[in-house]
């Protein structure tokens, strides 16, 4: 993921902004927010999509931009269909600090809050993570339970 290419965060239109963990990044340099399905979204060919069941994000991806889909797991599954042409890259299994409360759907074990996934991806590639978690309520817990990745 190139630091010169913006990270594109596609937020499902039904996602409440008050619950969106990446919302504090809106307006910050290096991040573009788009709305799904309302915005016409063309993703350049030099992007990779954070997801599950893809090869691990690695140094080979440092020249690519990052696409992140933001919505509940149920919505994200539907959103993925519109972006299946964007190669998927996975993260090592970080643990989420975000409390899950769904009574109807089971979240994947390796599921992270959007801001957690962005932080983990930036860390994985050696990019600056300064300020990414500053407004994340569960920042300290997230950093504590994933301390082994931060060495």
Protein backbone atom coordinates (compact mmCIF):
# COMPACT_ATOMS: atom_id res chain seq x y z
CA UNK A 1 0.00 0.00 0.00
CA UNK A 2 1.62 3.13 -1.12
CA UNK A 3 1.74 5.99 1.32
CA UNK A 4 1.28 8.27 -1.70
CA UNK A 5 -2.01 6.59 -2.67
CA UNK A 6 -4.96 7.35 -0.41
CA UNK A 7 -6.58 4.60 1.62
CA UNK A 8 -10.12 4.33 0.27
CA UNK A 9 -12.75 3.52 2.87
CA UNK A 10 -16.11 2.53 1.41
CA UNK A 11 -18.79 2.90 4.07
CA UNK A 12 -22.17 1.20 3.71
CA UNK A 13 -24.90 3.87 3.67
CA UNK A 14 -26.73 2.13 6.54
CA UNK A 15 -23.67 2.18 8.79
CA UNK A 16 -24.26 4.70 11.58
CA UNK A 17 -21.48 7.28 11.53
CA UNK A 18 -21.56 7.35 15.33
CA UNK A 19 -20.59 3.66 15.36
CA UNK A 20 -18.06 3.86 12.52
CA UNK A 21 -14.63 3.33 14.09
CA UNK A 22 -12.88 4.94 11.11
CA UNK A 23 -15.00 8.11 11.20
CA UNK A 24 -12.26 10.16 12.95
CA UNK A 25 -10.10 9.65 9.82
CA UNK A 26 -12.61 11.54 7.67
CA UNK A 27 -10.93 14.69 6.35
CA UNK A 28 -7.44 13.46 7.30
CA UNK A 29 -4.80 13.50 4.56
CA UNK A 30 -4.31 10.10 2.97
CA UNK A 31 -7.90 8.88 3.42
CA UNK A 32 -10.85 9.03 1.04
CA UNK A 33 -14.35 8.09 2.16
CA UNK A 34 -16.96 6.84 -0.28
CA UNK A 35 -20.55 5.75 0.31
CA UNK A 36 -21.87 2.37 -0.79
CA UNK A 37 -23.96 1.87 -2.87
CA UNK A 38 -24.66 5.52 -3.69
CA UNK A 39 -21.26 6.65 -4.94
CA UNK A 40 -20.01 5.44 -8.31
CA UNK A 41 -16.79 3.89 -7.18
CA UNK A 42 -13.99 3.15 -9.60
CA UNK A 43 -11.06 1.53 -7.85
CA UNK A 44 -7.73 1.90 -9.67
CA UNK A 45 -6.03 -1.34 -10.66
CA UNK A 46 -3.12 -0.78 -8.28
CA UNK A 47 -5.19 -1.33 -5.11
CA UNK A 48 -5.62 -4.31 -2.79
CA UNK A 49 -8.66 -4.92 -0.58
CA UNK A 50 -8.37 -5.88 3.07
CA UNK A 51 -10.37 -9.03 3.65
CA UNK A 52 -10.37 -12.56 4.92
CA UNK A 53 -9.03 -15.64 3.11
CA UNK A 54 -6.51 -13.86 0.91
CA UNK A 55 -2.72 -14.01 0.91
CA UNK A 56 -1.12 -12.09 3.78
CA UNK A 57 -0.50 -8.40 3.24
CA UNK A 58 3.24 -8.11 2.66
CA UNK A 59 6.07 -5.90 1.45
CA UNK A 60 5.00 -6.84 -2.09
CA UNK A 61 1.92 -4.66 -1.51
CA UNK A 62 3.77 -1.47 -0.58
CA UNK A 63 3.24 -0.01 -4.05
CA UNK A 64 -0.51 -0.63 -3.89
CA UNK A 65 -3.28 1.48 -2.45
CA UNK A 66 -5.58 0.06 0.22
CA UNK A 67 -9.33 -0.46 -0.13
CA UNK A 68 -11.28 -1.03 3.08
CA UNK A 69 -14.98 -1.94 3.17
CA UNK A 70 -16.82 -0.65 6.23
CA UNK A 71 -20.13 -2.06 7.35
CA UNK A 72 -21.51 -4.85 9.46
CA UNK A 73 -20.26 -8.31 8.46
CA UNK A 74 -23.58 -9.01 6.77
CA UNK A 75 -23.32 -5.83 4.67
CA UNK A 76 -19.61 -6.26 4.00
CA UNK A 77 -20.27 -9.68 2.44
CA UNK A 78 -22.65 -8.06 -0.05
CA UNK A 79 -20.27 -5.17 -0.68
CA UNK A 80 -17.44 -7.58 -1.47
CA UNK A 81 -19.32 -8.82 -4.53
CA UNK A 82 -18.96 -5.37 -6.13
CA UNK A 83 -15.21 -5.32 -5.45
CA UNK A 84 -14.21 -8.90 -6.20
CA UNK A 85 -11.93 -7.64 -9.01
CA UNK A 86 -9.73 -5.98 -6.34
CA UNK A 87 -7.23 -8.56 -5.01
CA UNK A 88 -7.81 -9.51 -1.36
CA UNK A 89 -5.02 -9.34 1.19
CA UNK A 90 -5.41 -10.63 4.75
CA UNK A 91 -3.81 -9.69 8.02
CA UNK A 92 -2.26 -11.94 10.62
CA UNK A 93 -4.84 -12.84 13.27
CA UNK A 94 -5.00 -9.72 15.45
CA UNK A 95 -7.63 -9.72 18.20
CA UNK A 96 -10.38 -7.15 18.24
CA UNK A 97 -11.11 -5.02 21.28
CA UNK A 98 -14.43 -3.91 19.81
CA UNK A 99 -17.33 -5.43 21.76
CA UNK A 100 -19.61 -7.45 19.53
CA UNK A 101 -23.31 -7.53 20.33
CA UNK A 102 -25.10 -9.09 17.35
CA UNK A 103 -27.85 -11.46 18.40
CA UNK A 104 -28.39 -12.69 14.84
CA UNK A 105 -25.01 -13.04 13.13
CA UNK A 106 -21.69 -14.51 14.18
CA UNK A 107 -18.65 -12.40 13.38
CA UNK A 108 -15.58 -14.12 11.95
CA UNK A 109 -12.90 -14.92 14.54
CA UNK A 110 -10.38 -12.74 12.73
CA UNK A 111 -12.83 -9.87 12.30
CA UNK A 112 -11.56 -6.46 13.35
CA UNK A 113 -13.17 -3.06 13.67
CA UNK A 114 -12.32 -0.99 10.60
CA UNK A 115 -9.89 1.26 12.47
CA UNK A 116 -8.19 -1.79 13.98
CA UNK A 117 -7.75 -3.33 10.51
CA UNK A 118 -6.30 -0.10 9.11
CA UNK A 119 -3.91 0.18 12.06
CA UNK A 120 -2.82 -3.46 11.68
CA UNK A 121 -2.28 -3.04 7.92
CA UNK A 122 -0.23 0.12 8.36
CA UNK A 123 1.81 -1.52 11.11
CA UNK A 124 2.33 -4.66 9.01
CA UNK A 125 3.89 -2.58 6.24
CA UNK A 126 5.90 -0.27 8.48
CA UNK A 127 3.85 2.84 7.79
CA UNK A 128 3.20 5.48 10.40
CA UNK A 129 0.32 4.61 12.71
CA UNK A 130 0.60 7.93 14.56
CA UNK A 131 -2.82 9.24 15.50
CA UNK A 132 -4.81 6.44 13.87
CA UNK A 133 -6.20 5.18 17.17
CA UNK A 134 -6.31 8.50 19.03
CA UNK A 135 -10.11 8.67 19.09
CA UNK A 136 -10.75 4.93 19.28
CA UNK A 137 -12.46 4.18 22.59
CA UNK A 138 -10.92 0.70 22.89
CA UNK A 139 -7.40 1.82 21.86
CA UNK A 140 -5.61 0.76 25.05
CA UNK A 141 -7.28 -2.66 25.17
CA UNK A 142 -6.57 -3.25 21.47
CA UNK A 143 -2.89 -2.37 21.87
CA UNK A 144 -2.62 -4.47 25.04
CA UNK A 145 -4.15 -7.67 23.61
CA UNK A 146 -2.06 -7.35 20.43
CA UNK A 147 1.20 -6.32 22.10
CA UNK A 148 2.98 -9.31 20.53
CA UNK A 149 2.55 -7.77 17.05
CA UNK A 150 3.89 -4.41 18.18
CA UNK A 151 7.40 -5.60 19.12
